Amino acid sequence: MKKFAPIFAAVAGILLIYSCSTAPAPNKQLEGNWKSKDGSTKLSITDKNFIMDDGQASKEDYFVKNDTIYTSYQGSRPYTKFCIKELTDGKLTLCYPDSDIVEFSR
């Protein structure tokens, strides 16, 4: 048992450091106000909200994992997925859940 005490202490220390580490920084390039090329859809992305206005504004919570934006209304599931095809300072191309591709600009 004395042999396992240092190992247990090391594992506990690593877990403590990992759990106290900060969350990854949000993608600041994604945040901002976007407008579709045809002008029919406006998209506003803040650090906490994904607001799409295509005639009727809908404000949803979101998180980003790899190249996909997952949105949900007040934490409800299942999530709606928007795949990021291209992201630059002035251009955002999203693949909607129904496979439509929409290009946005600032």
N, C-alpha and C. Protein backbone atom coordinates (compact mmCIF):
# COMPACT_ATOMS: atom_id res chain seq x y z
N MET A 1 0.82 -1.19 0.00
CA MET A 1 0.00 0.00 0.00
C MET A 1 0.86 1.25 0.00
N LYS A 2 2.03 1.19 0.65
CA LYS A 2 2.92 2.34 0.69
C LYS A 2 3.47 2.65 -0.70
N LYS A 3 3.54 1.66 -1.56
CA LYS A 3 4.05 1.88 -2.91
C LYS A 3 3.05 2.67 -3.76
N PHE A 4 1.78 2.52 -3.46
CA PHE A 4 0.75 3.17 -4.27
C PHE A 4 0.44 4.60 -3.81
N ALA A 5 0.84 4.99 -2.63
CA ALA A 5 0.55 6.33 -2.12
C ALA A 5 1.16 7.43 -3.00
N PRO A 6 2.43 7.34 -3.41
CA PRO A 6 2.97 8.39 -4.30
C PRO A 6 2.28 8.41 -5.67
N ILE A 7 1.95 7.25 -6.17
CA ILE A 7 1.27 7.21 -7.46
C ILE A 7 -0.12 7.83 -7.35
N PHE A 8 -0.82 7.49 -6.28
CA PHE A 8 -2.14 8.06 -6.05
C PHE A 8 -2.07 9.57 -5.91
N ALA A 9 -1.09 10.07 -5.18
CA ALA A 9 -0.91 11.51 -4.99
C ALA A 9 -0.60 12.21 -6.32
N ALA A 10 0.22 11.58 -7.15
CA ALA A 10 0.55 12.18 -8.45
C ALA A 10 -0.67 12.24 -9.35
N VAL A 11 -1.43 11.16 -9.40
CA VAL A 11 -2.64 11.14 -10.23
C VAL A 11 -3.65 12.16 -9.72
N ALA A 12 -3.82 12.26 -8.43
CA ALA A 12 -4.74 13.24 -7.85
C ALA A 12 -4.30 14.66 -8.19
N GLY A 13 -3.00 14.91 -8.14
CA GLY A 13 -2.47 16.24 -8.48
C GLY A 13 -2.70 16.59 -9.93
N ILE A 14 -2.49 15.63 -10.81
CA ILE A 14 -2.71 15.87 -12.24
C ILE A 14 -4.19 16.15 -12.51
N LEU A 15 -5.07 15.38 -11.89
CA LEU A 15 -6.50 15.60 -12.06
C LEU A 15 -6.93 16.96 -11.53
N LEU A 16 -6.36 17.39 -10.42
CA LEU A 16 -6.67 18.69 -9.85
C LEU A 16 -6.23 19.81 -10.79
N ILE A 17 -5.03 19.70 -11.32
CA ILE A 17 -4.53 20.72 -12.24
C ILE A 17 -5.39 20.76 -13.50
N TYR A 18 -5.74 19.61 -14.03
CA TYR A 18 -6.57 19.55 -15.24
C TYR A 18 -7.95 20.14 -15.00
N SER A 19 -8.56 19.84 -13.87
CA SER A 19 -9.91 20.35 -13.60
C SER A 19 -9.92 21.85 -13.34
N CYS A 20 -8.82 22.41 -12.88
CA CYS A 20 -8.76 23.84 -12.58
C CYS A 20 -8.29 24.66 -13.77
N SER A 21 -7.90 24.02 -14.84
CA SER A 21 -7.42 24.76 -16.00
C SER A 21 -8.58 25.54 -16.62
N THR A 22 -8.26 26.61 -17.30
CA THR A 22 -9.29 27.46 -17.88
C THR A 22 -9.85 26.81 -19.14
N ALA A 23 -11.07 27.19 -19.46
CA ALA A 23 -11.71 26.69 -20.67
C ALA A 23 -11.03 27.31 -21.88
N PRO A 24 -11.08 26.65 -23.03
CA PRO A 24 -10.46 27.22 -24.22
C PRO A 24 -11.14 28.53 -24.61
N ALA A 25 -10.34 29.44 -25.12
CA ALA A 25 -10.87 30.75 -25.49
C ALA A 25 -11.82 30.61 -26.67
N PRO A 26 -12.91 31.37 -26.64
CA PRO A 26 -13.86 31.30 -27.75
C PRO A 26 -13.22 31.85 -29.03
N ASN A 27 -13.75 31.46 -30.15
CA ASN A 27 -13.23 31.89 -31.43
C ASN A 27 -13.70 33.32 -31.70
N LYS A 28 -12.85 34.29 -31.46
CA LYS A 28 -13.20 35.70 -31.63
C LYS A 28 -13.44 36.04 -33.09
N GLN A 29 -12.87 35.26 -34.01
CA GLN A 29 -13.07 35.50 -35.43
C GLN A 29 -14.52 35.20 -35.82
N LEU A 30 -15.16 34.30 -35.12
CA LEU A 30 -16.54 33.91 -35.41
C LEU A 30 -17.54 34.92 -34.89
N GLU A 31 -17.21 35.58 -33.79
CA GLU A 31 -18.13 36.51 -33.16
C GLU A 31 -18.29 37.78 -33.98
N GLY A 32 -19.52 38.30 -34.00
CA GLY A 32 -19.80 39.54 -34.71
C GLY A 32 -21.13 39.48 -35.41
N ASN A 33 -21.38 40.49 -36.23
CA ASN A 33 -22.62 40.57 -37.00
C ASN A 33 -22.33 40.18 -38.43
N TRP A 34 -23.12 39.27 -38.95
CA TRP A 34 -22.96 38.74 -40.30
C TRP A 34 -24.25 38.95 -41.09
N LYS A 35 -24.11 39.09 -42.40
CA LYS A 35 -25.26 39.24 -43.28
C LYS A 35 -25.06 38.32 -44.48
N SER A 36 -26.13 37.58 -44.85
CA SER A 36 -26.01 36.67 -45.99
C SER A 36 -25.82 37.47 -47.27
N LYS A 37 -25.26 36.81 -48.28
CA LYS A 37 -24.99 37.51 -49.54
C LYS A 37 -26.25 38.07 -50.17
N ASP A 38 -27.37 37.35 -50.06
CA ASP A 38 -28.61 37.86 -50.65
C ASP A 38 -29.33 38.85 -49.73
N GLY A 39 -28.82 39.04 -48.52
CA GLY A 39 -29.37 40.01 -47.59
C GLY A 39 -30.62 39.57 -46.84
N SER A 40 -31.05 38.34 -47.04
CA SER A 40 -32.29 37.89 -46.41
C SER A 40 -32.09 37.40 -44.97
N THR A 41 -30.87 37.05 -44.62
CA THR A 41 -30.61 36.51 -43.28
C THR A 41 -29.51 37.31 -42.60
N LYS A 42 -29.77 37.69 -41.35
CA LYS A 42 -28.77 38.35 -40.53
C LYS A 42 -28.40 37.40 -39.41
N LEU A 43 -27.14 37.34 -39.09
CA LEU A 43 -26.63 36.45 -38.06
C LEU A 43 -25.76 37.24 -37.11
N SER A 44 -26.05 37.13 -35.83
CA SER A 44 -25.27 37.80 -34.81
C SER A 44 -24.75 36.73 -33.84
N ILE A 45 -23.44 36.67 -33.70
CA ILE A 45 -22.83 35.68 -32.82
C ILE A 45 -22.06 36.42 -31.74
N THR A 46 -22.47 36.20 -30.49
CA THR A 46 -21.76 36.78 -29.34
C THR A 46 -21.01 35.66 -28.64
N ASP A 47 -20.45 35.95 -27.48
CA ASP A 47 -19.73 34.90 -26.76
C ASP A 47 -20.67 33.85 -26.19
N LYS A 48 -21.97 34.16 -26.06
CA LYS A 48 -22.92 33.20 -25.48
C LYS A 48 -24.12 32.89 -26.38
N ASN A 49 -24.44 33.76 -27.33
CA ASN A 49 -25.68 33.60 -28.10
C ASN A 49 -25.43 33.52 -29.60
N PHE A 50 -26.27 32.76 -30.25
CA PHE A 50 -26.31 32.59 -31.70
C PHE A 50 -27.68 33.10 -32.13
N ILE A 51 -27.72 34.29 -32.73
CA ILE A 51 -28.99 34.93 -33.05
C ILE A 51 -29.13 35.01 -34.57
N MET A 52 -30.09 34.25 -35.11
CA MET A 52 -30.34 34.24 -36.54
C MET A 52 -31.67 34.94 -36.80
N ASP A 53 -31.64 35.90 -37.71
CA ASP A 53 -32.84 36.65 -38.05
C ASP A 53 -33.10 36.50 -39.55
N ASP A 54 -34.02 35.60 -39.88
CA ASP A 54 -34.43 35.42 -41.27
C ASP A 54 -35.93 35.69 -41.39
N GLY A 55 -36.34 36.82 -40.83
CA GLY A 55 -37.75 37.19 -40.79
C GLY A 55 -38.30 37.08 -39.38
N GLN A 56 -37.84 36.10 -38.64
CA GLN A 56 -38.24 35.92 -37.25
C GLN A 56 -36.98 35.58 -36.46
N ALA A 57 -36.56 36.49 -35.59
CA ALA A 57 -35.31 36.31 -34.85
C ALA A 57 -35.41 35.16 -33.86
N SER A 58 -34.38 34.35 -33.80
CA SER A 58 -34.32 33.27 -32.81
C SER A 58 -32.97 33.34 -32.10
N LYS A 59 -33.01 33.45 -30.79
CA LYS A 59 -31.81 33.55 -29.96
C LYS A 59 -31.58 32.20 -29.30
N GLU A 60 -30.40 31.61 -29.54
CA GLU A 60 -30.10 30.30 -29.00
C GLU A 60 -28.72 30.29 -28.37
N ASP A 61 -28.52 29.39 -27.41
CA ASP A 61 -27.20 29.15 -26.85
C ASP A 61 -26.42 28.32 -27.86
N TYR A 62 -25.10 28.41 -27.81
CA TYR A 62 -24.30 27.62 -28.74
C TYR A 62 -22.95 27.27 -28.15
N PHE A 63 -22.32 26.28 -28.75
CA PHE A 63 -20.92 26.00 -28.49
C PHE A 63 -20.31 25.49 -29.78
N VAL A 64 -18.99 25.62 -29.89
CA VAL A 64 -18.29 25.22 -31.10
C VAL A 64 -17.38 24.05 -30.76
N LYS A 65 -17.45 23.01 -31.57
CA LYS A 65 -16.57 21.87 -31.42
C LYS A 65 -16.01 21.53 -32.79
N ASN A 66 -14.70 21.61 -32.91
CA ASN A 66 -14.00 21.43 -34.18
C ASN A 66 -14.53 22.44 -35.19
N ASP A 67 -15.14 22.00 -36.27
CA ASP A 67 -15.65 22.92 -37.28
C ASP A 67 -17.18 22.95 -37.32
N THR A 68 -17.82 22.67 -36.19
CA THR A 68 -19.27 22.62 -36.13
C THR A 68 -19.79 23.50 -34.99
N ILE A 69 -20.84 24.26 -35.30
CA ILE A 69 -21.53 25.07 -34.29
C ILE A 69 -22.77 24.29 -33.87
N TYR A 70 -22.91 24.03 -32.58
CA TYR A 70 -24.07 23.34 -32.03
C TYR A 70 -24.92 24.36 -31.30
N THR A 71 -26.17 24.51 -31.71
CA THR A 71 -27.07 25.46 -31.07
C THR A 71 -28.21 24.72 -30.39
N SER A 72 -28.74 25.32 -29.35
CA SER A 72 -29.90 24.76 -28.67
C SER A 72 -30.68 25.90 -28.04
N TYR A 73 -31.99 25.75 -27.99
CA TYR A 73 -32.84 26.75 -27.36
C TYR A 73 -32.94 26.45 -25.88
N GLN A 74 -32.35 27.29 -25.06
CA GLN A 74 -32.36 27.18 -23.60
C GLN A 74 -31.93 25.79 -23.13
N GLY A 75 -30.89 25.25 -23.75
CA GLY A 75 -30.30 23.99 -23.31
C GLY A 75 -31.06 22.75 -23.71
N SER A 76 -32.14 22.89 -24.50
CA SER A 76 -32.89 21.70 -24.90
C SER A 76 -32.12 20.92 -25.95
N ARG A 77 -32.39 19.66 -26.04
CA ARG A 77 -31.73 18.79 -27.00
C ARG A 77 -32.76 18.21 -27.94
N PRO A 78 -32.47 17.76 -29.09
CA PRO A 78 -31.15 17.62 -29.70
C PRO A 78 -30.64 18.97 -30.21
N TYR A 79 -29.34 19.03 -30.41
CA TYR A 79 -28.72 20.25 -30.89
C TYR A 79 -28.91 20.39 -32.39
N THR A 80 -28.95 21.63 -32.84
CA THR A 80 -28.95 21.92 -34.27
C THR A 80 -27.50 22.15 -34.67
N LYS A 81 -27.06 21.51 -35.75
CA LYS A 81 -25.66 21.58 -36.16
C LYS A 81 -25.50 22.45 -37.40
N PHE A 82 -24.55 23.37 -37.34
CA PHE A 82 -24.15 24.18 -38.48
C PHE A 82 -22.67 23.93 -38.71
N CYS A 83 -22.32 23.41 -39.86
CA CYS A 83 -20.93 23.10 -40.18
C CYS A 83 -20.27 24.34 -40.79
N ILE A 84 -19.09 24.70 -40.27
CA ILE A 84 -18.35 25.84 -40.79
C ILE A 84 -17.49 25.35 -41.95
N LYS A 85 -17.80 25.82 -43.15
CA LYS A 85 -17.04 25.44 -44.34
C LYS A 85 -15.84 26.35 -44.54
N GLU A 86 -16.04 27.65 -44.27
CA GLU A 86 -14.97 28.62 -44.44
C GLU A 86 -15.16 29.75 -43.44
N LEU A 87 -14.08 30.18 -42.81
CA LEU A 87 -14.14 31.28 -41.86
C LEU A 87 -12.90 32.14 -42.01
N THR A 88 -13.11 33.37 -42.44
CA THR A 88 -12.05 34.36 -42.50
C THR A 88 -12.55 35.61 -41.77
N ASP A 89 -11.76 36.67 -41.77
CA ASP A 89 -12.18 37.89 -41.08
C ASP A 89 -13.44 38.49 -41.67
N GLY A 90 -13.65 38.36 -42.97
CA GLY A 90 -14.80 38.98 -43.60
C GLY A 90 -15.80 38.02 -44.21
N LYS A 91 -15.54 36.72 -44.13
CA LYS A 91 -16.42 35.75 -44.78
C LYS A 91 -16.66 34.54 -43.89
N LEU A 92 -17.92 34.10 -43.85
CA LEU A 92 -18.31 32.91 -43.11
C LEU A 92 -19.23 32.10 -44.01
N THR A 93 -18.87 30.85 -44.24
CA THR A 93 -19.70 29.96 -45.04
C THR A 93 -20.18 28.84 -44.14
N LEU A 94 -21.51 28.72 -43.98
CA LEU A 94 -22.11 27.71 -43.12
C LEU A 94 -22.91 26.71 -43.95
N CYS A 95 -22.83 25.45 -43.54
CA CYS A 95 -23.67 24.41 -44.09
C CYS A 95 -24.78 24.17 -43.06
N TYR A 96 -26.01 24.49 -43.44
CA TYR A 96 -27.15 24.35 -42.55
C TYR A 96 -27.49 22.87 -42.34
N PRO A 97 -28.31 22.57 -41.33
CA PRO A 97 -28.69 21.17 -41.07
C PRO A 97 -29.36 20.49 -42.26
N ASP A 98 -30.03 21.25 -43.11
CA ASP A 98 -30.68 20.65 -44.28
C ASP A 98 -29.77 20.67 -45.51
N SER A 99 -28.47 20.82 -45.29
CA SER A 99 -27.41 20.78 -46.31
C SER A 99 -27.38 21.98 -47.24
N ASP A 100 -28.12 23.04 -46.94
CA ASP A 100 -28.01 24.28 -47.70
C ASP A 100 -26.72 24.99 -47.27
N ILE A 101 -26.03 25.57 -48.23
CA ILE A 101 -24.81 26.31 -47.92
C ILE A 101 -25.10 27.79 -48.09
N VAL A 102 -24.82 28.56 -47.03
CA VAL A 102 -25.10 29.99 -47.04
C VAL A 102 -23.80 30.73 -46.73
N GLU A 103 -23.52 31.74 -47.54
CA GLU A 103 -22.32 32.56 -47.35
C GLU A 103 -22.72 33.86 -46.67
N PHE A 104 -21.97 34.22 -45.64
CA PHE A 104 -22.19 35.45 -44.90
C PHE A 104 -20.97 36.35 -45.04
N SER A 105 -21.19 37.64 -44.90
CA SER A 105 -20.10 38.61 -44.86
C SER A 105 -20.38 39.60 -43.77
N ARG A 106 -19.35 40.30 -43.35
CA ARG A 106 -19.52 41.30 -42.28
C ARG A 106 -20.08 42.58 -42.84
